[in-house]
Protein backbone atom coordinates (compact mmCIF):
# COMPACT_ATOMS: atom_id res chain seq x y z
CA UNK A 1 -88.96 -157.67 -14.77
CA UNK A 2 -91.05 -160.96 -14.53
CA UNK A 3 -93.14 -159.49 -17.34
CA UNK A 4 -90.36 -160.37 -19.80
CA UNK A 5 -90.33 -163.99 -18.75
CA UNK A 6 -94.25 -164.25 -19.06
CA UNK A 7 -94.31 -162.61 -22.50
CA UNK A 8 -91.40 -164.71 -23.72
CA UNK A 9 -93.19 -167.85 -22.60
CA UNK A 10 -96.30 -166.74 -24.50
CA UNK A 11 -94.25 -166.01 -27.59
CA UNK A 12 -92.51 -169.39 -27.14
CA UNK A 13 -95.95 -171.08 -27.30
CA UNK A 14 -96.54 -171.92 -23.80
CA UNK A 15 -100.17 -172.18 -22.77
CA UNK A 16 -102.09 -172.33 -19.46
CA UNK A 17 -99.32 -170.37 -17.84
CA UNK A 18 -99.65 -170.41 -13.99
CA UNK A 19 -97.72 -168.44 -11.32
CA UNK A 20 -95.90 -170.73 -8.74
CA UNK A 21 -94.51 -168.00 -6.30
CA UNK A 22 -90.86 -168.67 -7.65
CA UNK A 23 -91.79 -168.37 -11.33
CA UNK A 24 -94.27 -170.02 -13.72
CA UNK A 25 -95.39 -173.42 -14.85
CA UNK A 26 -97.18 -174.27 -18.18
CA UNK A 27 -97.47 -176.85 -20.94
CA UNK A 28 -94.28 -177.41 -22.83
CA UNK A 29 -94.38 -176.08 -26.60
CA UNK A 30 -91.20 -178.07 -27.28
CA UNK A 31 -92.61 -181.50 -26.76
CA UNK A 32 -96.44 -180.74 -26.92
CA UNK A 33 -96.83 -181.94 -23.44
CA UNK A 34 -100.38 -181.16 -22.27
CA UNK A 35 -99.37 -181.37 -18.56
CA UNK A 36 -97.72 -178.56 -16.66
CA UNK A 37 -94.19 -179.94 -17.19
CA UNK A 38 -92.59 -176.69 -18.29
CA UNK A 39 -91.15 -174.77 -15.28
CA UNK A 40 -89.58 -171.40 -15.25
CA UNK A 41 -87.95 -169.80 -12.25
CA UNK A 42 -87.39 -165.94 -11.83
CA UNK A 43 -83.85 -166.88 -10.74
CA UNK A 44 -82.30 -170.25 -11.17
CA UNK A 45 -79.83 -171.90 -8.75
CA UNK A 46 -76.98 -170.89 -10.85
CA UNK A 47 -78.15 -167.19 -10.71
CA UNK A 48 -79.37 -167.15 -14.30
CA UNK A 49 -82.75 -165.34 -14.72
CA UNK A 50 -85.52 -167.29 -16.36
CA UNK A 51 -83.98 -170.73 -15.77
CA UNK A 52 -86.30 -173.12 -17.36
CA UNK A 53 -86.62 -176.86 -17.80
CA UNK A 54 -89.39 -179.31 -19.11
CA UNK A 55 -89.50 -182.37 -16.90
CA UNK A 56 -90.93 -184.41 -19.76
CA UNK A 57 -88.59 -183.67 -22.64
CA UNK A 58 -85.70 -182.40 -20.32
CA UNK A 59 -84.85 -179.40 -22.56
CA UNK A 60 -83.64 -176.46 -20.45
CA UNK A 61 -81.89 -173.17 -20.48
CA UNK A 62 -82.18 -169.64 -19.23
CA UNK A 63 -84.06 -166.47 -20.22
CA UNK A 64 -81.67 -165.70 -23.04
CA UNK A 65 -81.86 -169.04 -24.69
CA UNK A 66 -85.67 -168.89 -24.33
CA UNK A 67 -85.60 -165.41 -26.09
CA UNK A 68 -83.53 -166.91 -28.85
CA UNK A 69 -85.97 -169.73 -29.45
CA UNK A 70 -89.09 -167.59 -28.98
CA UNK A 71 -88.04 -164.61 -31.17
CA UNK A 72 -85.73 -166.25 -33.57
CA UNK A 73 -82.89 -163.84 -32.90
CA UNK A 74 -79.21 -164.36 -32.42
CA UNK A 75 -77.68 -164.83 -29.01
CA UNK A 76 -76.22 -161.28 -28.75
CA UNK A 77 -79.63 -159.70 -29.70
CA UNK A 78 -81.34 -161.91 -27.11
CA UNK A 79 -78.82 -160.87 -24.48
CA UNK A 80 -79.44 -157.16 -25.30
CA UNK A 81 -83.18 -157.62 -24.98
CA UNK A 82 -82.79 -159.40 -21.63
CA UNK A 83 -80.32 -156.70 -20.23
CA UNK A 84 -82.42 -153.88 -21.63
CA UNK A 85 -85.36 -155.11 -19.41
CA UNK A 86 -83.13 -154.77 -16.30
CA UNK A 87 -81.79 -158.33 -15.77
CA UNK A 88 -78.21 -158.75 -14.58
CA UNK A 89 -76.73 -161.59 -16.44
CA UNK A 90 -73.68 -161.84 -14.23
CA UNK A 91 -70.12 -162.54 -15.47
CA UNK A 92 -69.92 -162.84 -19.37
CA UNK A 93 -67.95 -166.16 -19.05
CA UNK A 94 -71.22 -167.70 -17.84
CA UNK A 95 -73.30 -166.85 -20.87
CA UNK A 96 -71.32 -165.62 -23.76
CA UNK A 97 -71.53 -168.04 -26.74
CA UNK A 98 -67.80 -167.71 -27.37
CA UNK A 99 -67.33 -169.95 -24.33
CA UNK A 100 -67.34 -173.59 -24.94
CA UNK A 101 -70.82 -174.90 -25.56
CA UNK A 102 -72.39 -177.16 -23.06
CA UNK A 103 -74.40 -180.31 -23.14
CA UNK A 104 -77.79 -178.29 -23.13
CA UNK A 105 -76.75 -177.04 -26.59
CA UNK A 106 -76.64 -180.55 -28.01
CA UNK A 107 -77.93 -183.30 -25.93
CA UNK A 108 -81.76 -182.32 -25.77
CA UNK A 109 -81.85 -182.85 -29.55
CA UNK A 110 -80.10 -186.19 -29.83
CA UNK A 111 -82.43 -188.97 -30.61
CA UNK A 112 -84.72 -186.73 -32.74
CA UNK A 113 -84.54 -186.57 -36.35
CA UNK A 114 -85.40 -184.32 -39.27
CA UNK A 115 -88.02 -185.84 -41.56
CA UNK A 116 -86.36 -184.05 -44.44
CA UNK A 117 -83.01 -185.75 -43.51
CA UNK A 118 -84.62 -189.09 -43.08
CA UNK A 119 -86.44 -188.64 -46.50
CA UNK A 120 -83.09 -188.22 -48.07
CA UNK A 121 -82.12 -191.84 -47.18
CA UNK A 122 -80.17 -191.21 -44.06
CA UNK A 123 -80.84 -193.82 -41.23
CA UNK A 124 -81.08 -193.20 -37.69
CA UNK A 125 -78.22 -195.40 -36.70
CA UNK A 126 -75.80 -193.42 -38.81
CA UNK A 127 -77.08 -190.10 -37.50
CA UNK A 128 -76.66 -191.37 -34.01
CA UNK A 129 -73.12 -192.29 -34.66
CA UNK A 130 -72.43 -188.62 -35.32
CA UNK A 131 -74.86 -187.51 -32.63
CA UNK A 132 -76.82 -185.50 -35.07
CA UNK A 133 -80.14 -184.34 -33.63
CA UNK A 134 -83.02 -182.07 -34.39
CA UNK A 135 -84.58 -179.10 -32.89
CA UNK A 136 -88.30 -179.42 -33.63
CA UNK A 137 -88.94 -175.79 -32.51
CA UNK A 138 -86.68 -174.07 -34.93
CA UNK A 139 -86.75 -176.83 -37.58
CA UNK A 140 -83.00 -177.25 -37.62
CA UNK A 141 -80.71 -180.19 -37.51
CA UNK A 142 -77.98 -179.89 -34.90
CA UNK A 143 -74.39 -181.14 -35.77
CA UNK A 144 -72.17 -181.36 -32.68
CA UNK A 145 -68.34 -181.34 -32.88
CA UNK A 146 -67.17 -183.79 -30.33
CA UNK A 147 -63.71 -184.69 -29.27
CA UNK A 148 -63.01 -187.31 -26.56
CA UNK A 149 -66.39 -186.77 -25.23
CA UNK A 150 -66.17 -182.92 -25.02
CA UNK A 151 -68.38 -180.71 -27.03
CA UNK A 152 -66.12 -178.34 -28.93
CA UNK A 153 -68.84 -176.63 -30.95
CA UNK A 154 -71.96 -177.32 -33.05
CA UNK A 155 -73.60 -176.25 -36.30
CA UNK A 156 -77.29 -175.88 -37.05
CA UNK A 157 -78.88 -176.29 -40.50
CA UNK A 158 -82.38 -175.57 -41.58
CA UNK A 159 -84.32 -178.16 -43.65
CA UNK A 160 -84.23 -177.83 -47.39
CA UNK A 161 -81.77 -177.99 -50.29
CA UNK A 162 -78.84 -175.53 -50.31
CA UNK A 163 -79.34 -174.40 -46.72
CA UNK A 164 -76.14 -173.24 -44.95
CA UNK A 165 -74.57 -174.59 -41.80
CA UNK A 166 -74.44 -171.98 -38.95
CA UNK A 167 -71.73 -172.66 -36.31
CA UNK A 168 -72.03 -171.27 -32.73
CA UNK A 169 -70.38 -168.01 -32.10
CA UNK A 170 -66.72 -168.30 -31.28
CA UNK A 171 -66.34 -171.73 -33.02
CA UNK A 172 -63.16 -171.80 -35.25
CA UNK A 173 -63.96 -174.54 -37.67
CA UNK A 174 -60.26 -174.72 -38.94
CA UNK A 175 -59.24 -176.05 -35.50
CA UNK A 176 -61.60 -179.10 -35.63
CA UNK A 177 -63.09 -181.77 -37.94
CA UNK A 178 -66.64 -183.24 -37.83
CA UNK A 179 -66.40 -186.98 -37.07
CA UNK A 180 -68.22 -189.90 -35.35
CA UNK A 181 -68.66 -189.42 -31.74
CA UNK A 182 -66.52 -192.48 -30.74
CA UNK A 183 -63.13 -193.22 -32.10
CA UNK A 184 -62.74 -196.32 -34.13
CA UNK A 185 -61.93 -199.30 -32.00
CA UNK A 186 -59.07 -200.33 -34.38
CA UNK A 187 -57.07 -198.73 -37.27
CA UNK A 188 -59.77 -197.58 -39.70
CA UNK A 189 -57.44 -198.17 -42.66
CA UNK A 190 -58.72 -195.18 -44.61
CA UNK A 191 -60.27 -192.02 -43.39
CA UNK A 192 -62.48 -190.32 -45.97
CA UNK A 193 -62.45 -186.47 -45.67
CA UNK A 194 -65.34 -184.48 -47.08
CA UNK A 195 -66.56 -180.91 -47.34
CA UNK A 196 -69.91 -181.29 -45.69
CA UNK A 197 -71.36 -183.16 -42.68
CA UNK A 198 -73.93 -185.13 -44.39
CA UNK A 199 -71.49 -186.36 -47.20
CA UNK A 200 -69.36 -187.79 -44.27
CA UNK A 201 -72.45 -189.50 -42.83
CA UNK A 202 -73.45 -190.79 -46.31
CA UNK A 203 -70.11 -192.49 -46.79
CA UNK A 204 -70.17 -193.93 -43.21
CA UNK A 205 -73.72 -195.22 -43.65
CA UNK A 206 -73.32 -196.65 -47.18
CA UNK A 207 -69.84 -198.22 -47.07
CA UNK A 208 -69.06 -198.49 -43.27
CA UNK A 209 -65.98 -196.44 -43.88
CA UNK A 210 -64.68 -193.95 -41.33
CA UNK A 211 -65.48 -190.43 -42.78
CA UNK A 212 -65.11 -186.91 -41.41
CA UNK A 213 -65.52 -183.37 -42.84
CA UNK A 214 -63.49 -180.26 -42.71
CA UNK A 215 -66.31 -177.78 -42.99
CA UNK A 216 -65.58 -176.87 -46.56
CA UNK A 217 -62.95 -177.64 -49.23
CA UNK A 218 -59.90 -176.63 -47.19
CA UNK A 219 -57.42 -178.28 -44.81
CA UNK A 220 -55.72 -176.35 -42.09
CA UNK A 221 -52.57 -177.24 -40.26
CA UNK A 222 -54.63 -178.09 -37.17
CA UNK A 223 -56.82 -180.47 -39.13
CA UNK A 224 -53.68 -182.08 -40.51
CA UNK A 225 -52.50 -182.93 -37.07
CA UNK A 226 -55.84 -184.43 -36.08
CA UNK A 227 -55.80 -186.62 -39.21
CA UNK A 228 -52.23 -187.73 -38.68
CA UNK A 229 -53.42 -189.12 -35.22
CA UNK A 230 -55.46 -191.67 -36.96
CA UNK A 231 -52.36 -193.26 -38.43
CA UNK A 232 -54.53 -194.08 -41.51
CA UNK A 233 -54.59 -193.40 -45.26
CA UNK A 234 -56.31 -190.21 -45.89
CA UNK A 235 -58.71 -190.04 -48.83
CA UNK A 236 -59.77 -186.48 -49.96
CA UNK A 237 -63.38 -186.64 -51.10
CA UNK A 238 -64.29 -182.97 -51.65
CA UNK A 239 -67.13 -181.95 -53.92
CA UNK A 240 -66.60 -182.67 -57.77
CA UNK A 241 -66.76 -178.91 -58.68
CA UNK A 242 -64.27 -176.00 -59.22
CA UNK A 243 -64.15 -175.15 -55.47
CA UNK A 244 -63.66 -178.91 -54.64
CA UNK A 245 -60.90 -179.22 -57.23
CA UNK A 246 -59.05 -176.22 -56.08
CA UNK A 247 -59.53 -177.18 -52.43
CA UNK A 248 -58.14 -180.65 -53.09
CA UNK A 249 -54.97 -178.94 -54.68
CA UNK A 250 -54.53 -176.80 -51.64
CA UNK A 251 -55.22 -179.59 -49.15
CA UNK A 252 -52.42 -181.68 -50.70
CA UNK A 253 -49.91 -178.97 -50.40
CA UNK A 254 -50.88 -178.24 -46.87
CA UNK A 255 -50.65 -181.99 -46.01
CA UNK A 256 -47.25 -182.20 -47.68
CA UNK A 257 -46.03 -179.19 -45.74
CA UNK A 258 -47.02 -180.71 -42.45
CA UNK A 259 -45.78 -184.19 -42.96
CA UNK A 260 -48.97 -186.10 -43.96
CA UNK A 261 -47.88 -188.28 -46.66
CA UNK A 262 -50.43 -191.19 -47.05
CA UNK A 263 -52.86 -189.39 -49.15
CA UNK A 264 -55.29 -190.17 -51.91
CA UNK A 265 -58.12 -188.56 -53.91
CA UNK A 266 -61.55 -189.97 -54.44
CA UNK A 267 -62.26 -189.86 -58.21
CA UNK A 268 -65.99 -189.80 -59.13
CA UNK A 269 -68.46 -188.25 -61.62
CA UNK A 270 -71.24 -187.35 -59.26
CA UNK A 271 -71.66 -183.93 -57.90
CA UNK A 272 -70.45 -184.81 -54.35
CA UNK A 273 -69.35 -187.91 -52.52
CA UNK A 274 -72.64 -188.39 -50.73
CA UNK A 275 -74.45 -188.72 -54.07
CA UNK A 276 -71.55 -190.84 -55.44
CA UNK A 277 -72.03 -193.58 -52.82
CA UNK A 278 -75.82 -193.64 -52.97
CA UNK A 279 -75.64 -194.05 -56.82
CA UNK A 280 -73.10 -196.72 -56.80
CA UNK A 281 -75.22 -199.86 -56.29
CA UNK A 282 -72.07 -202.05 -55.52
CA UNK A 283 -70.55 -199.44 -53.17
CA UNK A 284 -67.21 -199.90 -55.05
CA UNK A 285 -65.87 -196.84 -53.27
CA UNK A 286 -62.21 -198.31 -52.86
CA UNK A 287 -62.05 -198.62 -56.66
CA UNK A 288 -62.49 -194.92 -57.10
CA UNK A 289 -59.57 -194.04 -54.88
CA UNK A 290 -56.48 -192.71 -56.71
CA UNK A 291 -53.44 -193.00 -54.60
CA UNK A 292 -50.82 -190.28 -54.90
CA UNK A 293 -47.38 -192.02 -55.28
CA UNK A 294 -45.65 -188.75 -54.72
CA UNK A 295 -46.60 -185.08 -54.08
CA UNK A 296 -46.20 -183.10 -57.31
CA UNK A 297 -46.70 -179.27 -58.05
CA UNK A 298 -49.09 -180.25 -60.63
CA UNK A 299 -51.74 -181.77 -58.26
CA UNK A 300 -55.10 -182.80 -59.71
CA UNK A 301 -57.26 -179.84 -61.09
CA UNK A 302 -60.13 -182.12 -61.55
CA UNK A 303 -61.51 -185.55 -60.44
CA UNK A 304 -63.83 -186.80 -62.99
CA UNK A 305 -62.81 -189.98 -64.84
């Protein structure tokens, strides 16, 4: 069975692989260490086969996660490969991605940044506020969903325009919002609600306003409850397109149904709020807010001036 560990290490990019008696050691392909910092055990202390860690970059995992990285397959396919080779993975609750993700899914990537994202004008301080990291091996940014210090889920997104966000298996986006890792120390006044993660970061970085995202142009009952906890004025800042307009209309109805009454819409001419705040040299985002004095059946169908 150790052959799978060895071949997976080779596929991952490990070089100068040496047996240690309890496993293997090699250079680390994740941080390009030239030392034998990458250690793999046939069986880890927690019973997981192929437990690995780099003592230089501190990334770690098990044989399933190594297979995901090495072969670019999904979790379930990697699990099948490992089990077909004769490994016993133990209780499903230990490994199935439907379980809450752990720090190893997010923390190793924090403090690393996609050059593509930086080139788009995002600064490291803003990315750190949302704990957005970068997995250099897969070329994907990692967007954690954190609530009171607990990791509820995460999304990955490859570099390039129009690339989709892929959430971990079992994550229900309608139950959560993407937000800064730390709650505001005081009443934020307004909370801007966007479709996409990077739109929220753009508003936060450019204006200093507290911004979150609902993973698309929709607002669920669970998300309304989260937003009500802020005791702030909620500004819907969905994209300036048909899906955004329709999502805004639905969101207003959902908010009304569940008792969220302090609501506004961001009115702008750019394609999305991220572009809007970047194109506005004076950052006059407040002047673009249109407060709804009362909920009406004929909620806005467009948000251009």
